[in-house]
Each structure stands twice: as structure tokens, then as C-alpha cells.
Amino acid sequence: MFLEFGFWARSGRDEKCAGVRALGVSVELHCLAAPVGELCRRLEARSREGGPGPSRSAASCSRST
């Protein structure tokens, strides 16, 4: 299973991992790096599709690259 949303802060990661471990399931957390331009492209696509993610406008994303 792949989870992405909710792992922005360590507290969220710890909470989800603890819940899964309480069920007797092992946890592996993989952090993948992506170029800022790719992250902005994904954010813009999610915004158009109404998907989950941080509420950051495409304009602010382009200013940070």
C-alpha cells in the first residue's frame, strides 16, 4: 500500500506508523527525492484535479523555483 498524504510532519508519520504497528504489521517508510520543478508540476496537476495535497498556488510554486 502506498500512502502519501499525512506524512508532511513527523508527528503524522509517527501516528500512522504506530497505528499500523498496533495491528501487528511491519512498517517501511521510504522517502523519495524529486526535483522542485517536478514537485511543482505534480502540485499543479493535483490542484486541477482536486486531489489531496498542500494548498499552494501554482504562482507561489513558480516563485520558489
N, C-alpha and C. Protein backbone atom coordinates (compact mmCIF):
# COMPACT_ATOMS: atom_id res chain seq x y z
N MET A 1 0.84 -1.17 0.00
CA MET A 1 0.00 0.00 0.00
C MET A 1 0.89 1.23 0.00
N PHE A 2 0.49 2.22 -0.74
CA PHE A 2 1.24 3.47 -0.80
C PHE A 2 0.43 4.55 -0.11
N LEU A 3 1.07 5.25 0.77
CA LEU A 3 0.45 6.39 1.46
C LEU A 3 1.32 7.60 1.21
N GLU A 4 0.69 8.71 0.99
CA GLU A 4 1.47 9.92 0.79
C GLU A 4 0.93 11.03 1.66
N PHE A 5 -0.35 11.33 1.55
CA PHE A 5 -0.91 12.45 2.27
C PHE A 5 -0.91 12.15 3.78
N GLY A 6 -0.50 13.10 4.58
CA GLY A 6 -0.46 12.92 6.02
C GLY A 6 0.93 12.66 6.55
N PHE A 7 1.90 12.67 5.70
CA PHE A 7 3.27 12.40 6.13
C PHE A 7 4.13 13.65 6.07
N TRP A 8 3.50 14.83 6.06
CA TRP A 8 4.25 16.07 5.96
C TRP A 8 5.05 16.34 7.23
N ALA A 9 4.49 16.01 8.37
CA ALA A 9 5.15 16.28 9.65
C ALA A 9 5.51 14.96 10.33
N ARG A 10 6.56 14.99 11.10
CA ARG A 10 6.98 13.78 11.80
C ARG A 10 5.86 13.23 12.69
N SER A 11 5.10 14.11 13.34
CA SER A 11 4.02 13.65 14.21
C SER A 11 2.99 12.83 13.43
N GLY A 12 2.69 13.24 12.20
CA GLY A 12 1.76 12.47 11.36
C GLY A 12 2.33 11.12 10.97
N ARG A 13 3.60 11.10 10.63
CA ARG A 13 4.26 9.82 10.29
C ARG A 13 4.26 8.89 11.49
N ASP A 14 4.66 9.42 12.64
CA ASP A 14 4.71 8.60 13.85
C ASP A 14 3.35 8.04 14.22
N GLU A 15 2.31 8.87 14.09
CA GLU A 15 0.95 8.43 14.42
C GLU A 15 0.51 7.29 13.51
N LYS A 16 0.71 7.44 12.22
CA LYS A 16 0.29 6.40 11.28
C LYS A 16 1.09 5.11 11.46
N CYS A 17 2.40 5.25 11.66
CA CYS A 17 3.23 4.06 11.88
C CYS A 17 2.84 3.33 13.15
N ALA A 18 2.57 4.06 14.22
CA ALA A 18 2.16 3.45 15.48
C ALA A 18 0.84 2.71 15.32
N GLY A 19 -0.10 3.29 14.59
CA GLY A 19 -1.39 2.64 14.37
C GLY A 19 -1.25 1.34 13.60
N VAL A 20 -0.39 1.35 12.61
CA VAL A 20 -0.18 0.14 11.80
C VAL A 20 0.55 -0.93 12.62
N ARG A 21 1.57 -0.50 13.36
CA ARG A 21 2.30 -1.46 14.20
C ARG A 21 1.40 -2.09 15.26
N ALA A 22 0.44 -1.32 15.78
CA ALA A 22 -0.51 -1.85 16.77
C ALA A 22 -1.34 -2.99 16.19
N LEU A 23 -1.47 -3.01 14.88
CA LEU A 23 -2.20 -4.10 14.21
C LEU A 23 -1.30 -5.30 13.92
N GLY A 24 -0.02 -5.18 14.30
CA GLY A 24 0.92 -6.27 14.08
C GLY A 24 1.55 -6.27 12.69
N VAL A 25 1.48 -5.15 12.01
CA VAL A 25 2.01 -5.05 10.66
C VAL A 25 3.34 -4.31 10.70
N SER A 26 4.31 -4.79 9.94
CA SER A 26 5.60 -4.09 9.89
C SER A 26 5.47 -2.86 8.99
N VAL A 27 6.31 -1.89 9.26
CA VAL A 27 6.25 -0.62 8.55
C VAL A 27 7.59 -0.32 7.90
N GLU A 28 7.54 0.10 6.65
CA GLU A 28 8.72 0.61 5.96
C GLU A 28 8.34 1.97 5.40
N LEU A 29 9.12 2.97 5.72
CA LEU A 29 8.87 4.30 5.22
C LEU A 29 9.99 4.67 4.27
N HIS A 30 9.62 4.95 3.03
CA HIS A 30 10.59 5.32 2.00
C HIS A 30 10.38 6.78 1.63
N CYS A 31 11.41 7.56 1.72
CA CYS A 31 11.35 8.97 1.32
C CYS A 31 12.07 9.12 -0.01
N LEU A 32 11.38 9.65 -0.98
CA LEU A 32 11.95 9.80 -2.31
C LEU A 32 12.14 11.28 -2.62
N ALA A 33 13.27 11.60 -3.17
CA ALA A 33 13.56 12.98 -3.53
C ALA A 33 13.16 13.20 -4.99
N ALA A 34 12.65 14.39 -5.26
CA ALA A 34 12.30 14.77 -6.64
C ALA A 34 12.71 16.22 -6.83
N PRO A 35 13.09 16.58 -8.05
CA PRO A 35 13.43 17.98 -8.31
C PRO A 35 12.24 18.90 -8.04
N VAL A 36 12.52 20.12 -7.61
CA VAL A 36 11.46 21.07 -7.28
C VAL A 36 10.51 21.27 -8.46
N GLY A 37 11.04 21.33 -9.67
CA GLY A 37 10.19 21.50 -10.85
C GLY A 37 9.18 20.38 -10.99
N GLU A 38 9.58 19.15 -10.71
CA GLU A 38 8.67 18.01 -10.78
C GLU A 38 7.62 18.09 -9.68
N LEU A 39 8.03 18.50 -8.48
CA LEU A 39 7.07 18.64 -7.39
C LEU A 39 6.02 19.69 -7.73
N CYS A 40 6.45 20.79 -8.33
CA CYS A 40 5.52 21.84 -8.74
C CYS A 40 4.57 21.33 -9.82
N ARG A 41 5.09 20.58 -10.77
CA ARG A 41 4.23 20.02 -11.83
C ARG A 41 3.16 19.12 -11.22
N ARG A 42 3.55 18.28 -10.26
CA ARG A 42 2.58 17.39 -9.61
C ARG A 42 1.55 18.18 -8.80
N LEU A 43 2.02 19.22 -8.10
CA LEU A 43 1.12 20.05 -7.32
C LEU A 43 0.09 20.74 -8.21
N GLU A 44 0.55 21.27 -9.33
CA GLU A 44 -0.36 21.93 -10.26
C GLU A 44 -1.38 20.94 -10.83
N ALA A 45 -0.94 19.72 -11.15
CA ALA A 45 -1.85 18.70 -11.67
C ALA A 45 -2.89 18.32 -10.63
N ARG A 46 -2.46 18.16 -9.38
CA ARG A 46 -3.41 17.82 -8.31
C ARG A 46 -4.41 18.94 -8.09
N SER A 47 -3.94 20.17 -8.17
CA SER A 47 -4.84 21.31 -7.98
C SER A 47 -5.92 21.31 -9.06
N ARG A 48 -5.53 21.02 -10.29
CA ARG A 48 -6.51 20.97 -11.39
C ARG A 48 -7.50 19.84 -11.19
N GLU A 49 -7.03 18.71 -10.65
CA GLU A 49 -7.86 17.53 -10.49
C GLU A 49 -8.61 17.51 -9.16
N GLY A 50 -8.29 18.45 -8.27
CA GLY A 50 -8.95 18.49 -6.97
C GLY A 50 -8.44 17.44 -6.01
N GLY A 51 -7.22 16.94 -6.24
CA GLY A 51 -6.66 15.90 -5.38
C GLY A 51 -6.11 16.45 -4.08
N PRO A 52 -5.72 15.54 -3.17
CA PRO A 52 -5.19 15.98 -1.88
C PRO A 52 -3.81 16.59 -2.03
N GLY A 53 -3.44 17.40 -1.10
CA GLY A 53 -2.12 18.00 -1.10
C GLY A 53 -2.15 19.36 -0.46
N PRO A 54 -1.01 19.94 -0.28
CA PRO A 54 -0.97 21.26 0.34
C PRO A 54 -1.62 22.30 -0.54
N SER A 55 -2.23 23.29 0.07
CA SER A 55 -2.89 24.33 -0.71
C SER A 55 -1.89 25.42 -1.04
N ARG A 56 -1.19 25.20 -2.12
CA ARG A 56 -0.19 26.16 -2.57
C ARG A 56 -0.46 26.44 -4.03
N SER A 57 -0.54 27.68 -4.39
CA SER A 57 -0.90 28.04 -5.76
C SER A 57 0.26 27.78 -6.72
N ALA A 58 -0.06 27.63 -7.97
CA ALA A 58 0.96 27.45 -9.00
C ALA A 58 1.87 28.66 -9.05
N ALA A 59 1.31 29.84 -8.80
CA ALA A 59 2.12 31.06 -8.83
C ALA A 59 3.19 31.04 -7.75
N SER A 60 2.83 30.63 -6.54
CA SER A 60 3.82 30.58 -5.46
C SER A 60 4.84 29.49 -5.72
N CYS A 61 4.43 28.44 -6.38
CA CYS A 61 5.36 27.35 -6.70
C CYS A 61 6.39 27.85 -7.70
N SER A 62 5.96 28.58 -8.70
CA SER A 62 6.90 29.04 -9.71
C SER A 62 7.87 30.08 -9.13
N ARG A 63 7.46 30.80 -8.10
CA ARG A 63 8.36 31.76 -7.46
C ARG A 63 9.46 31.08 -6.68
N SER A 64 9.22 29.83 -6.23
CA SER A 64 10.21 29.15 -5.39
C SER A 64 11.23 28.37 -6.21
N THR A 65 11.04 28.28 -7.52
CA THR A 65 11.97 27.52 -8.35
C THR A 65 13.02 28.42 -8.95
